[in-house]
C-alpha atoms as a PDB file:
ATOM      1  CA  MET A   1     -88.337 -44.956 -47.097  1.00  0.00           C
ATOM      2  CA  ALA A   2     -90.104 -48.138 -46.935  1.00  0.00           C
ATOM      3  CA  GLU A   3     -87.767 -50.291 -47.558  1.00  0.00           C
ATOM      4  CA  GLU A   4     -85.664 -48.168 -44.045  1.00  0.00           C
ATOM      5  CA  ILE A   5     -88.948 -49.395 -41.946  1.00  0.00           C
ATOM      6  CA  LYS A   6     -88.597 -52.855 -43.355  1.00  0.00           C
ATOM      7  CA  GLU A   7     -84.566 -53.074 -42.429  1.00  0.00           C
ATOM      8  CA  LYS A   8     -85.152 -51.397 -38.904  1.00  0.00           C
ATOM      9  CA  SER A   9     -88.552 -53.616 -37.929  1.00  0.00           C
ATOM     10  CA  GLU A  10     -88.988 -57.235 -37.617  1.00  0.00           C
ATOM     11  CA  VAL A  11     -92.701 -58.173 -38.584  1.00  0.00           C
ATOM     12  CA  PRO A  12     -94.262 -61.365 -36.667  1.00  0.00           C
ATOM     13  CA  THR A  13     -95.233 -63.707 -38.314  1.00  0.00           C
ATOM     14  CA  LYS A  14     -98.867 -63.409 -37.647  1.00  0.00           C
ATOM     15  CA  PHE A  15     -98.475 -60.168 -39.327  1.00  0.00           C
ATOM     16  CA  LYS A  16     -97.118 -60.620 -42.428  1.00  0.00           C
ATOM     17  CA  ASP A  17     -99.788 -61.177 -44.469  1.00  0.00           C
ATOM     18  CA  LEU A  18    -101.686 -58.214 -43.412  1.00  0.00           C
ATOM     19  CA  VAL A  19     -98.179 -55.985 -43.558  1.00  0.00           C
ATOM     20  CA  GLU A  20     -97.844 -57.284 -46.995  1.00  0.00           C
ATOM     21  CA  LYS A  21    -101.566 -56.440 -47.970  1.00  0.00           C
ATOM     22  CA  ILE A  22    -101.037 -53.226 -46.179  1.00  0.00           C
ATOM     23  CA  GLU A  23     -98.012 -52.410 -48.572  1.00  0.00           C
ATOM     24  CA  LYS A  24     -99.784 -52.789 -52.043  1.00  0.00           C
ATOM     25  CA  LEU A  25    -102.493 -49.783 -50.840  1.00  0.00           C
ATOM     26  CA  SER A  26    -101.975 -46.836 -52.744  1.00  0.00           C
ATOM     27  CA  VAL A  27    -101.980 -43.724 -50.466  1.00  0.00           C
ATOM     28  CA  LEU A  28    -105.341 -42.618 -50.830  1.00  0.00           C
ATOM     29  CA  ASP A  29    -106.562 -46.303 -49.855  1.00  0.00           C
ATOM     30  CA  LEU A  30    -104.227 -46.006 -46.882  1.00  0.00           C
ATOM     31  CA  SER A  31    -105.625 -42.984 -45.892  1.00  0.00           C
ATOM     32  CA  GLU A  32    -109.486 -44.058 -45.865  1.00  0.00           C
ATOM     33  CA  LEU A  33    -108.466 -47.366 -44.596  1.00  0.00           C
ATOM     34  CA  VAL A  34    -107.158 -45.240 -41.487  1.00  0.00           C
ATOM     35  CA  LYS A  35    -110.004 -43.264 -40.811  1.00  0.00           C
ATOM     36  CA  VAL A  36    -112.532 -46.348 -40.902  1.00  0.00           C
ATOM     37  CA  LEU A  37    -110.075 -48.175 -38.249  1.00  0.00           C
ATOM     38  CA  GLU A  38    -110.085 -44.701 -36.286  1.00  0.00           C
ATOM     39  CA  LYS A  39    -114.049 -44.583 -36.179  1.00  0.00           C
ATOM     40  CA  LYS A  40    -114.801 -48.466 -36.039  1.00  0.00           C
ATOM     41  CA  PHE A  41    -112.225 -48.392 -32.726  1.00  0.00           C
ATOM     42  CA  GLY A  42    -112.948 -44.942 -31.500  1.00  0.00           C
ATOM     43  CA  VAL A  43    -109.123 -44.170 -31.515  1.00  0.00           C
ATOM     44  CA  SER A  44    -107.179 -41.820 -33.042  1.00  0.00           C
ATOM     45  CA  ALA A  45    -103.651 -42.240 -35.788  1.00  0.00           C
ATOM     46  CA  SER A  46    -102.409 -38.740 -34.678  1.00  0.00           C
ATOM     47  CA  ALA A  47     -99.516 -38.880 -32.407  1.00  0.00           C
ATOM     48  CA  PRO A  48    -100.597 -37.474 -28.441  1.00  0.00           C
ATOM     49  CA  MET A  49     -99.454 -34.211 -27.756  1.00  0.00           C
ATOM     50  CA  MET A  50     -97.265 -34.307 -24.492  1.00  0.00           C
ATOM     51  CA  ALA A  51     -97.913 -31.211 -22.347  1.00  0.00           C
ATOM     52  CA  MET A  52     -95.234 -30.562 -19.661  1.00  0.00           C
ATOM     53  CA  PRO A  53     -95.721 -28.055 -17.333  1.00  0.00           C
ATOM     54  CA  GLN A  54     -92.859 -26.023 -18.391  1.00  0.00           C
ATOM     55  CA  ALA A  55     -93.819 -25.766 -21.979  1.00  0.00           C
ATOM     56  CA  ALA A  56     -96.899 -24.455 -21.286  1.00  0.00           C
ATOM     57  CA  GLY A  57     -95.117 -21.503 -19.064  1.00  0.00           C
ATOM     58  CA  VAL A  58     -93.147 -20.476 -21.716  1.00  0.00           C
ATOM     59  CA  VAL A  59     -96.266 -20.493 -23.970  1.00  0.00           C
ATOM     60  CA  ALA A  60     -98.194 -18.445 -21.977  1.00  0.00           C
ATOM     61  CA  GLU A  61     -95.085 -15.915 -21.365  1.00  0.00           C
ATOM     62  CA  ALA A  62     -95.063 -16.041 -25.131  1.00  0.00           C
ATOM     63  CA  VAL A  63     -98.664 -14.737 -25.454  1.00  0.00           C
ATOM     64  CA  GLU A  64     -98.693 -12.149 -22.769  1.00  0.00           C
ATOM     65  CA  GLU A  65     -95.354 -10.460 -24.561  1.00  0.00           C
ATOM     66  CA  LYS A  66     -97.070 -10.343 -27.672  1.00  0.00           C
ATOM     67  CA  SER A  67     -96.575  -6.597 -29.206  1.00  0.00           C
ATOM     68  CA  THR A  68     -97.778  -6.288 -32.720  1.00  0.00           C
ATOM     69  CA  TYR A  69    -101.079  -7.215 -33.226  1.00  0.00           C
ATOM     70  CA  ASN A  70    -102.933  -8.155 -36.731  1.00  0.00           C
ATOM     71  CA  ILE A  71    -106.496  -5.566 -36.770  1.00  0.00           C
ATOM     72  CA  GLU A  72    -109.334  -7.763 -38.155  1.00  0.00           C
ATOM     73  CA  LEU A  73    -112.976  -6.205 -38.747  1.00  0.00           C
ATOM     74  CA  LYS A  74    -115.054  -9.365 -37.692  1.00  0.00           C
ATOM     75  CA  SER A  75    -118.935  -7.128 -37.529  1.00  0.00           C
ATOM     76  CA  VAL A  76    -119.895  -4.837 -39.487  1.00  0.00           C
ATOM     77  CA  GLY A  77    -122.786  -3.569 -37.079  1.00  0.00           C
ATOM     78  CA  ASP A  78    -125.971  -1.249 -37.736  1.00  0.00           C
ATOM     79  CA  LYS A  79    -123.493   2.326 -38.022  1.00  0.00           C
ATOM     80  CA  LYS A  80    -121.522   1.227 -41.728  1.00  0.00           C
ATOM     81  CA  ILE A  81    -121.310   5.020 -42.186  1.00  0.00           C
ATOM     82  CA  GLU A  82    -119.280   5.416 -38.787  1.00  0.00           C
ATOM     83  CA  VAL A  83    -117.242   1.903 -39.256  1.00  0.00           C
ATOM     84  CA  ILE A  84    -115.767   3.640 -42.920  1.00  0.00           C
ATOM     85  CA  LYS A  85    -114.699   6.662 -41.903  1.00  0.00           C
ATOM     86  CA  ALA A  86    -113.168   4.856 -38.650  1.00  0.00           C
ATOM     87  CA  VAL A  87    -111.176   2.407 -41.297  1.00  0.00           C
ATOM     88  CA  ARG A  88    -110.713   6.230 -43.340  1.00  0.00           C
ATOM     89  CA  ASP A  89    -109.093   7.577 -40.334  1.00  0.00           C
ATOM     90  CA  ILE A  90    -107.052   4.260 -39.258  1.00  0.00           C
ATOM     91  CA  THR A  91    -105.536   3.014 -42.318  1.00  0.00           C
ATOM     92  CA  GLU A  92    -105.556   6.656 -44.438  1.00  0.00           C
ATOM     93  CA  LYS A  93    -107.427   5.089 -47.463  1.00  0.00           C
ATOM     94  CA  GLY A  94    -109.518   6.591 -49.769  1.00  0.00           C
ATOM     95  CA  LEU A  95    -113.137   6.886 -49.468  1.00  0.00           C
ATOM     96  CA  LYS A  96    -113.884   3.922 -52.067  1.00  0.00           C
ATOM     97  CA  GLU A  97    -111.280   1.623 -50.218  1.00  0.00           C
ATOM     98  CA  ALA A  98    -112.270   2.083 -47.061  1.00  0.00           C
ATOM     99  CA  LYS A  99    -115.910   1.055 -48.454  1.00  0.00           C
ATOM    100  CA  ASP A 100    -115.597  -1.939 -50.547  1.00  0.00           C
ATOM    101  CA  LEU A 101    -113.279  -2.815 -47.421  1.00  0.00           C
ATOM    102  CA  VAL A 102    -116.089  -2.711 -45.104  1.00  0.00           C
ATOM    103  CA  GLU A 103    -118.947  -4.151 -47.329  1.00  0.00           C
ATOM    104  CA  ALA A 104    -116.384  -7.222 -48.097  1.00  0.00           C
ATOM    105  CA  ALA A 105    -116.116  -7.645 -43.742  1.00  0.00           C
ATOM    106  CA  MET A 106    -120.381  -8.090 -44.055  1.00  0.00           C
ATOM    107  CA  LEU A 107    -119.474 -10.897 -45.811  1.00  0.00           C
ATOM    108  CA  ALA A 108    -116.246 -12.636 -44.098  1.00  0.00           C
ATOM    109  CA  PRO A 109    -113.489 -11.002 -41.611  1.00  0.00           C
ATOM    110  CA  GLN A 110    -111.561  -8.591 -43.266  1.00  0.00           C
ATOM    111  CA  MET A 111    -107.801  -7.630 -42.213  1.00  0.00           C
ATOM    112  CA  VAL A 112    -107.658  -3.889 -41.031  1.00  0.00           C
ATOM    113  CA  LYS A 113    -104.231  -3.266 -40.404  1.00  0.00           C
ATOM    114  CA  GLU A 114    -101.243  -5.592 -39.259  1.00  0.00           C
ATOM    115  CA  ASN A 115     -98.332  -5.441 -37.016  1.00  0.00           C
ATOM    116  CA  VAL A 116     -99.291  -2.125 -34.866  1.00  0.00           C
ATOM    117  CA  LYS A 117     -98.374  -1.994 -31.435  1.00  0.00           C
ATOM    118  CA  LYS A 118    -100.196  -3.209 -28.166  1.00  0.00           C
ATOM    119  CA  GLU A 119    -101.431   0.820 -27.351  1.00  0.00           C
ATOM    120  CA  GLU A 120    -101.779   1.564 -30.845  1.00  0.00           C
ATOM    121  CA  ALA A 121    -104.032  -1.357 -31.617  1.00  0.00           C
ATOM    122  CA  GLN A 122    -106.160  -1.302 -28.150  1.00  0.00           C
ATOM    123  CA  GLU A 123    -107.087   2.358 -29.408  1.00  0.00           C
ATOM    124  CA  MET A 124    -107.852   1.274 -32.969  1.00  0.00           C
ATOM    125  CA  LYS A 125    -109.985  -1.218 -31.472  1.00  0.00           C
ATOM    126  CA  LYS A 126    -111.941   1.587 -29.215  1.00  0.00           C
ATOM    127  CA  LYS A 127    -112.489   3.118 -32.226  1.00  0.00           C
ATOM    128  CA  PHE A 128    -114.760   0.501 -34.200  1.00  0.00           C
ATOM    129  CA  GLU A 129    -116.316  -0.187 -31.089  1.00  0.00           C
ATOM    130  CA  ALA A 130    -117.353   3.313 -30.630  1.00  0.00           C
ATOM    131  CA  ALA A 131    -118.666   2.852 -34.641  1.00  0.00           C
ATOM    132  CA  GLY A 132    -120.307   0.137 -33.814  1.00  0.00           C
ATOM    133  CA  ALA A 133    -118.045  -2.645 -35.458  1.00  0.00           C
ATOM    134  CA  GLN A 134    -116.545  -5.726 -33.713  1.00  0.00           C
ATOM    135  CA  VAL A 135    -113.294  -5.995 -33.877  1.00  0.00           C
ATOM    136  CA  GLU A 136    -110.672  -8.849 -33.100  1.00  0.00           C
ATOM    137  CA  LEU A 137    -106.494  -8.356 -32.642  1.00  0.00           C
ATOM    138  CA  LYS A 138    -105.018 -11.053 -33.481  1.00  0.00           C
END
């Protein structure tokens, strides 16, 4: 691939020395060099994103048209038993599984249910909020 690039672009004489040195660097060294240059000159080597109004409209429509959601338990709150009951009711899991999920959610967000229809997901969110938990529909 490097040979293809060499054939396609002619390196100006004033940069030949520099390009030859860069070609000899390992991938890790190149990555480090890019980071140093970005920091030194306050720039980014990533490709700029072109935001086109039409594309933004399509993305906005896609977000609005979302019909299924994943329900993630973000925070349990102080009514742990009520949240366990809500998990059991919503997921139809046993007591131990529901308790384990709620306890895990106390440490990090946990996925409760996936691919739920919008209306059903909103009802589930209301049940969790009534139990004192915080959930996020993703």
